[in-house]
Protein backbone atom coordinates (compact mmCIF):
# COMPACT_ATOMS: atom_id res chain seq x y z
CA MET A 1 2.83 45.62 -8.56
CA THR A 2 -1.07 45.08 -9.12
CA PRO A 3 -1.13 43.25 -12.07
CA LEU A 4 -4.37 41.68 -10.80
CA ALA A 5 -6.34 45.19 -10.25
CA GLY A 6 -9.66 44.75 -11.44
CA ARG A 7 -9.55 41.01 -11.69
CA VAL A 8 -11.88 39.05 -9.92
CA ALA A 9 -10.93 35.35 -8.29
CA LEU A 10 -12.95 32.69 -5.93
CA VAL A 11 -10.79 30.43 -4.23
CA ALA A 12 -13.20 27.51 -2.91
CA GLY A 13 -11.60 26.41 0.31
CA GLY A 14 -9.88 29.64 1.33
CA THR A 15 -10.00 29.42 5.08
CA ARG A 16 -6.85 28.25 5.64
CA GLY A 17 -3.50 25.97 4.49
CA GLY A 18 -3.04 26.64 0.82
CA GLY A 19 -6.10 28.13 -0.22
CA ARG A 20 -5.84 31.13 2.48
CA GLY A 21 -2.18 31.38 0.81
CA ILE A 22 -3.40 31.62 -2.57
CA ALA A 23 -6.12 34.02 -1.61
CA VAL A 24 -3.86 36.21 0.18
CA GLN A 25 -1.40 36.92 -2.54
CA LEU A 26 -4.46 37.02 -5.30
CA GLY A 27 -5.06 39.59 -3.30
CA ALA A 28 -1.52 41.20 -2.76
CA ALA A 29 -1.54 41.25 -6.66
CA GLY A 30 -4.55 43.34 -6.64
CA ALA A 31 -7.57 41.00 -6.98
CA THR A 32 -10.73 40.99 -5.27
CA VAL A 33 -11.46 37.59 -3.72
CA TYR A 34 -14.41 35.53 -2.92
CA VAL A 35 -13.26 33.34 0.26
CA THR A 36 -15.43 30.50 0.62
CA GLY A 37 -15.53 27.47 2.93
CA ARG A 38 -17.44 25.94 5.95
CA SER A 39 -15.44 27.70 9.12
CA SER A 40 -17.04 30.99 9.94
CA ASP A 41 -17.22 33.34 12.37
CA GLN A 42 -20.60 32.20 12.72
CA GLY A 43 -19.30 28.19 13.83
CA ARG A 44 -16.65 25.95 12.79
CA SER A 45 -16.77 22.60 10.66
CA GLU A 46 -16.33 19.32 11.65
CA MET A 47 -12.27 20.25 11.37
CA ASP A 48 -13.12 22.04 14.27
CA ARG A 49 -9.85 24.29 13.45
CA PRO A 50 -10.19 28.18 14.70
CA GLU A 51 -9.33 29.91 10.83
CA THR A 52 -12.74 31.38 9.42
CA ILE A 53 -13.25 32.78 6.33
CA GLU A 54 -13.53 35.80 7.30
CA GLN A 55 -9.91 36.08 8.78
CA THR A 56 -8.32 34.98 5.34
CA ALA A 57 -10.88 37.63 3.95
CA ARG A 58 -9.21 40.34 6.33
CA LEU A 59 -5.81 39.15 5.17
CA VAL A 60 -6.60 39.69 1.61
CA THR A 61 -7.94 43.21 2.02
CA GLU A 62 -4.77 44.30 4.31
CA ALA A 63 -2.73 42.72 1.54
CA GLY A 64 -3.87 45.01 -1.03
CA GLY A 65 -6.75 43.62 -2.40
CA THR A 66 -10.58 42.90 -1.70
CA GLY A 67 -11.65 40.03 0.61
CA ILE A 68 -15.06 38.98 0.53
CA PRO A 69 -15.98 36.16 2.77
CA VAL A 70 -19.29 33.69 2.08
CA ARG A 71 -20.22 30.61 3.95
CA VAL A 72 -20.76 27.45 1.31
CA ASP A 73 -20.91 24.17 1.50
CA HIS A 74 -19.45 23.33 -1.67
CA GLY A 75 -20.60 19.62 -1.60
CA ASP A 76 -24.14 21.53 -1.86
CA PRO A 77 -24.67 22.28 -5.38
CA ALA A 78 -27.37 24.91 -4.50
CA GLN A 79 -25.34 26.72 -2.17
CA VAL A 80 -22.66 26.46 -5.10
CA ARG A 81 -25.32 27.87 -7.31
CA ALA A 82 -26.48 30.63 -5.60
CA LEU A 83 -22.65 31.70 -4.86
CA ALA A 84 -22.36 31.76 -8.69
CA GLU A 85 -25.41 34.27 -9.04
CA ARG A 86 -24.45 36.20 -6.67
CA ILE A 87 -20.87 36.83 -8.01
CA SER A 88 -22.53 37.13 -11.51
CA ALA A 89 -24.66 39.85 -10.03
CA GLU A 90 -21.96 41.50 -8.24
CA GLN A 91 -18.96 41.26 -10.76
CA ASP A 92 -20.71 42.10 -14.09
CA GLY A 93 -21.67 38.69 -15.04
CA GLY A 94 -17.94 37.46 -14.63
CA LEU A 95 -15.49 35.74 -12.86
CA ASP A 96 -11.40 36.11 -13.89
CA VAL A 97 -9.88 32.74 -11.50
CA LEU A 98 -11.67 30.03 -9.75
CA VAL A 99 -9.16 28.19 -7.75
CA ASN A 100 -10.61 24.63 -6.46
CA SER A 101 -8.81 23.94 -3.27
CA VAL A 102 -11.78 22.75 -0.79
CA TRP A 103 -10.35 19.58 0.77
CA GLY A 104 -11.04 19.07 4.72
CA GLY A 105 -9.71 15.45 4.20
CA ASP A 106 -7.54 15.26 7.33
CA PRO A 107 -9.18 13.37 9.87
CA ILE A 108 -10.95 11.04 7.37
CA THR A 109 -7.92 9.92 5.81
CA ASP A 110 -6.81 6.49 7.15
CA TRP A 111 -2.93 6.25 6.79
CA GLU A 112 -2.75 2.49 8.46
CA ASN A 113 -4.51 0.26 6.29
CA PRO A 114 -5.08 -1.02 2.51
CA LEU A 115 -8.01 -0.95 0.77
CA TRP A 116 -9.70 -3.96 1.91
CA LYS A 117 -9.32 -3.31 5.44
CA GLN A 118 -10.90 0.59 5.38
CA ASP A 119 -14.25 1.96 5.83
CA LEU A 120 -15.63 2.22 2.34
CA ASP A 121 -18.55 5.17 3.95
CA GLN A 122 -15.27 6.69 5.30
CA GLY A 123 -13.62 6.49 2.12
CA PHE A 124 -16.02 7.73 -0.34
CA ARG A 125 -16.94 10.63 2.44
CA LEU A 126 -13.70 11.67 1.32
CA LEU A 127 -13.73 11.28 -2.08
CA ARG A 128 -16.98 13.50 -2.04
CA GLN A 129 -15.34 16.33 0.03
CA ALA A 130 -12.28 16.34 -1.83
CA VAL A 131 -13.18 15.65 -5.85
CA ASP A 132 -17.50 16.05 -5.89
CA THR A 133 -16.96 19.44 -4.17
CA HIS A 134 -14.48 20.60 -6.84
CA VAL A 135 -16.67 19.54 -9.95
CA ILE A 136 -19.88 21.06 -8.12
CA THR A 137 -17.88 24.27 -8.22
CA SER A 138 -16.59 23.87 -11.77
CA HIS A 139 -20.15 23.43 -12.93
CA HIS A 140 -21.31 26.67 -11.62
CA MET A 141 -18.09 28.76 -12.28
CA VAL A 142 -16.61 28.23 -15.06
CA PRO A 143 -19.56 29.55 -17.38
CA LEU A 144 -18.59 32.71 -15.63
CA LEU A 145 -15.24 32.72 -16.70
CA ILE A 146 -16.29 32.09 -20.32
CA ALA A 147 -18.87 34.90 -20.35
CA ARG A 148 -14.74 36.92 -19.77
CA GLY A 149 -13.41 35.41 -22.64
CA ARG A 150 -10.30 34.49 -20.81
CA GLY A 151 -9.38 32.94 -17.43
CA LEU A 152 -7.55 30.42 -14.93
CA VAL A 153 -8.96 27.25 -12.91
CA VAL A 154 -6.56 25.81 -10.66
CA GLU A 155 -6.74 22.66 -9.18
CA VAL A 156 -4.79 22.65 -5.69
CA THR A 157 -3.50 18.86 -5.55
CA ASP A 158 -0.53 16.94 -3.23
CA GLY A 159 1.87 15.68 -5.72
CA ASN A 160 1.74 15.92 -9.79
CA THR A 161 3.49 12.60 -10.66
CA ALA A 162 2.06 9.32 -11.00
CA ARG A 163 4.07 8.16 -7.59
CA TYR A 164 1.73 6.63 -4.98
CA ARG A 165 0.67 8.94 -1.96
CA GLY A 166 0.65 6.37 0.54
CA SER A 167 -3.09 5.84 1.01
CA PHE A 168 -5.84 5.00 -1.68
CA PHE A 169 -8.36 7.22 -0.96
CA TYR A 170 -6.20 9.80 -0.52
CA ASP A 171 -3.88 8.87 -3.24
CA LEU A 172 -7.16 8.54 -5.59
CA ALA A 173 -8.11 11.76 -4.38
CA LYS A 174 -5.34 14.34 -5.61
CA SER A 175 -4.90 12.02 -9.00
CA SER A 176 -8.49 12.70 -9.71
CA VAL A 177 -8.56 16.53 -9.36
CA ILE A 178 -5.51 16.48 -12.05
CA ARG A 179 -7.48 14.82 -14.46
CA LEU A 180 -10.08 17.43 -13.52
CA ALA A 181 -7.53 20.14 -14.66
CA VAL A 182 -6.57 17.91 -17.66
CA ALA A 183 -10.47 17.46 -18.54
CA MET A 184 -11.30 21.20 -18.18
CA ALA A 185 -8.20 22.12 -20.23
CA ALA A 186 -9.58 20.16 -23.50
CA GLU A 187 -12.96 21.92 -23.01
CA LEU A 188 -12.38 25.09 -22.08
CA ARG A 189 -9.20 25.63 -24.72
CA PRO A 190 -11.73 27.00 -27.28
CA HIS A 191 -12.69 29.53 -24.53
CA ASN A 192 -9.53 30.87 -23.97
CA VAL A 193 -9.65 29.46 -20.28
CA ALA A 194 -7.08 27.80 -18.57
CA ALA A 195 -6.93 24.84 -16.23
CA VAL A 196 -3.89 23.55 -14.62
CA ALA A 197 -3.46 21.44 -11.38
CA ILE A 198 -0.78 22.86 -8.97
CA THR A 199 1.52 21.15 -5.78
CA PRO A 200 3.16 22.89 -3.06
CA GLY A 201 6.06 20.79 -1.76
CA PHE A 202 6.53 20.45 1.82
CA LEU A 203 3.61 22.61 2.93
CA ARG A 204 4.23 24.70 6.14
CA SER A 205 0.46 24.81 6.82
CA GLU A 206 -1.15 26.01 10.38
CA ALA A 207 -1.97 22.00 10.94
CA VAL A 208 1.67 21.10 10.70
CA LEU A 209 2.83 23.94 12.84
CA ASP A 210 0.49 22.90 15.08
CA PHE A 211 1.45 19.06 14.80
CA LEU A 212 5.15 20.06 15.36
CA GLY A 213 4.44 22.24 18.13
CA VAL A 214 5.98 25.62 16.61
CA THR A 215 4.79 28.38 15.03
CA GLU A 216 5.71 30.57 12.01
CA GLU A 217 8.04 32.55 13.94
CA ASN A 218 10.04 29.70 15.50
CA TRP A 219 9.39 27.29 12.95
CA ARG A 220 12.96 26.05 12.64
CA ASP A 221 12.25 24.34 15.88
CA GLY A 222 10.38 21.78 14.13
CA ILE A 223 13.74 20.69 12.27
CA ALA A 224 14.25 18.55 14.92
CA GLU A 225 11.35 16.64 15.11
CA ASP A 226 11.45 16.37 11.40
CA PRO A 227 14.41 17.31 9.56
CA HIS A 228 12.79 17.62 6.02
CA PHE A 229 10.99 20.00 7.45
CA ALA A 230 14.00 22.56 6.72
CA GLN A 231 12.75 22.27 2.77
CA SER A 232 9.32 23.46 3.88
CA GLU A 233 7.29 26.39 2.46
CA THR A 234 5.05 28.70 3.23
CA PRO A 235 1.32 29.29 1.79
CA HIS A 236 2.28 32.37 0.55
CA TYR A 237 4.98 30.42 -2.16
CA LEU A 238 1.69 28.54 -3.58
CA GLY A 239 -0.07 31.71 -3.40
CA ARG A 240 2.67 33.77 -5.50
CA ALA A 241 2.63 30.48 -7.78
CA VAL A 242 -1.20 30.97 -8.95
CA ALA A 243 -0.98 34.86 -8.76
CA ALA A 244 2.11 34.82 -11.50
CA LEU A 245 -0.08 31.89 -13.35
CA ALA A 246 -2.93 34.37 -13.12
CA ALA A 247 -1.17 37.31 -13.99
CA ASP A 248 0.53 35.73 -17.36
CA PRO A 249 -0.90 36.65 -20.60
CA ASP A 250 0.35 33.64 -22.15
CA VAL A 251 -0.72 31.07 -19.04
CA MET A 252 -2.58 29.45 -21.58
CA VAL A 253 0.67 27.31 -22.54
CA HIS A 254 0.64 25.74 -19.26
CA SER A 255 -3.22 24.87 -19.66
CA GLY A 256 -3.55 21.14 -19.03
CA ARG A 257 -0.56 20.14 -17.12
CA ALA A 258 0.19 19.56 -13.38
CA LEU A 259 2.44 22.14 -12.52
CA SER A 260 5.04 22.72 -8.95
CA THR A 261 6.02 25.82 -6.91
CA ALA A 262 9.42 24.17 -7.61
CA GLY A 263 8.53 24.20 -11.16
CA LEU A 264 6.95 27.71 -11.17
CA HIS A 265 9.82 29.40 -9.33
CA LYS A 266 12.41 28.66 -12.11
CA VAL A 267 9.60 30.22 -14.77
CA TYR A 268 8.01 33.52 -12.86
CA GLY A 269 11.06 34.13 -10.42
CA PHE A 270 8.95 34.38 -7.34
CA THR A 271 10.35 33.91 -3.96
CA ASP A 272 8.66 32.70 -0.42
CA VAL A 273 7.98 35.22 2.23
CA ASP A 274 11.72 35.16 3.81
CA GLY A 275 13.12 35.74 0.06
CA THR A 276 14.47 32.32 -0.15
CA GLN A 277 12.82 29.39 -3.43
CA PRO A 278 12.20 26.49 -1.76
CA ASP A 279 12.47 23.75 -4.28
CA PHE A 280 11.10 19.88 -2.56
CA GLU A 281 11.99 18.36 -6.15
CA ALA A 282 15.41 18.71 -5.52
CA TYR A 283 15.33 18.03 -2.39
CA TRP A 284 14.20 14.72 -3.25
CA ALA A 285 16.20 13.91 -5.59
CA LYS A 286 19.01 14.49 -3.35
CA ALA A 287 18.22 13.45 -0.32
CA LEU A 288 15.29 11.02 -0.69
CA GLU A 289 15.21 9.38 -4.13
CA ALA A 290 17.65 6.47 -2.82
CA GLU A 291 15.30 5.65 -0.20
CA HIS A 292 11.97 6.13 -1.48
CA GLY A 293 12.38 5.91 -5.22
CA PRO A 294 12.05 8.99 -7.42
CA LEU A 295 8.91 11.46 -7.63
CA GLY A 296 8.59 10.30 -11.63
CA THR A 297 7.30 12.34 -14.50
CA PRO A 298 4.90 14.85 -14.18
CA LEU A 299 1.28 13.70 -14.99
């Protein structure tokens, strides 16, 4: 019941959404989880949302693990280096799971304009927030996984195919982190450390619930606003996918791949919190492909 007991994980960007779901489910599997981000009980980031790293850490502990909140700006190499030194000192020099889930790009994504009409400074800021942070974090944390002689790096993305994601800089950011996983997989294979990218389907995050004016308890009321919302999944579904990968002794077979919750539930048999197994890829093929085209082959 606790296949990750004794394992240590870092969820960078674990404040809310998919990062929170991953952190909690790693905790439910018995792991010690460092939860990092900029939104803390001591103050909010510019996202200005109420969720905090301390809240996530408490949920990790309540789920059965050990949650440790650390306020970190992952765009600052000095702060990430200090975090790596702390984890090394507290966890016998090693780390077993690294999850790069830093995002924070929603307020600065331009969904209306093509590249030549977008603000370049804003676009590059999005890339620094969504890609540079992952590179900086991996640079400082991967040596801790190598020290263990095994491990898993997870890059959280949106979509796992070459299909265009609707906005130039958004698409570039989400595609780039898939390539980060591919590159790390090649470099880490001799060290028995796997690296994958993973995407949820229609993620029922806190922000999406707020946008539709519903809560997790009455989320189905949002289907009237968006019929596709009926096929949504909680962040815990993504979390259970990552926990299953982290507990798999043969995880190296997945290394270098762009995975999805829709595909992984068929491999590991996990369910969402309500016992269902959402499969947005199958739903797209059935209900959306005729209008929007196929999702395409996974990268």
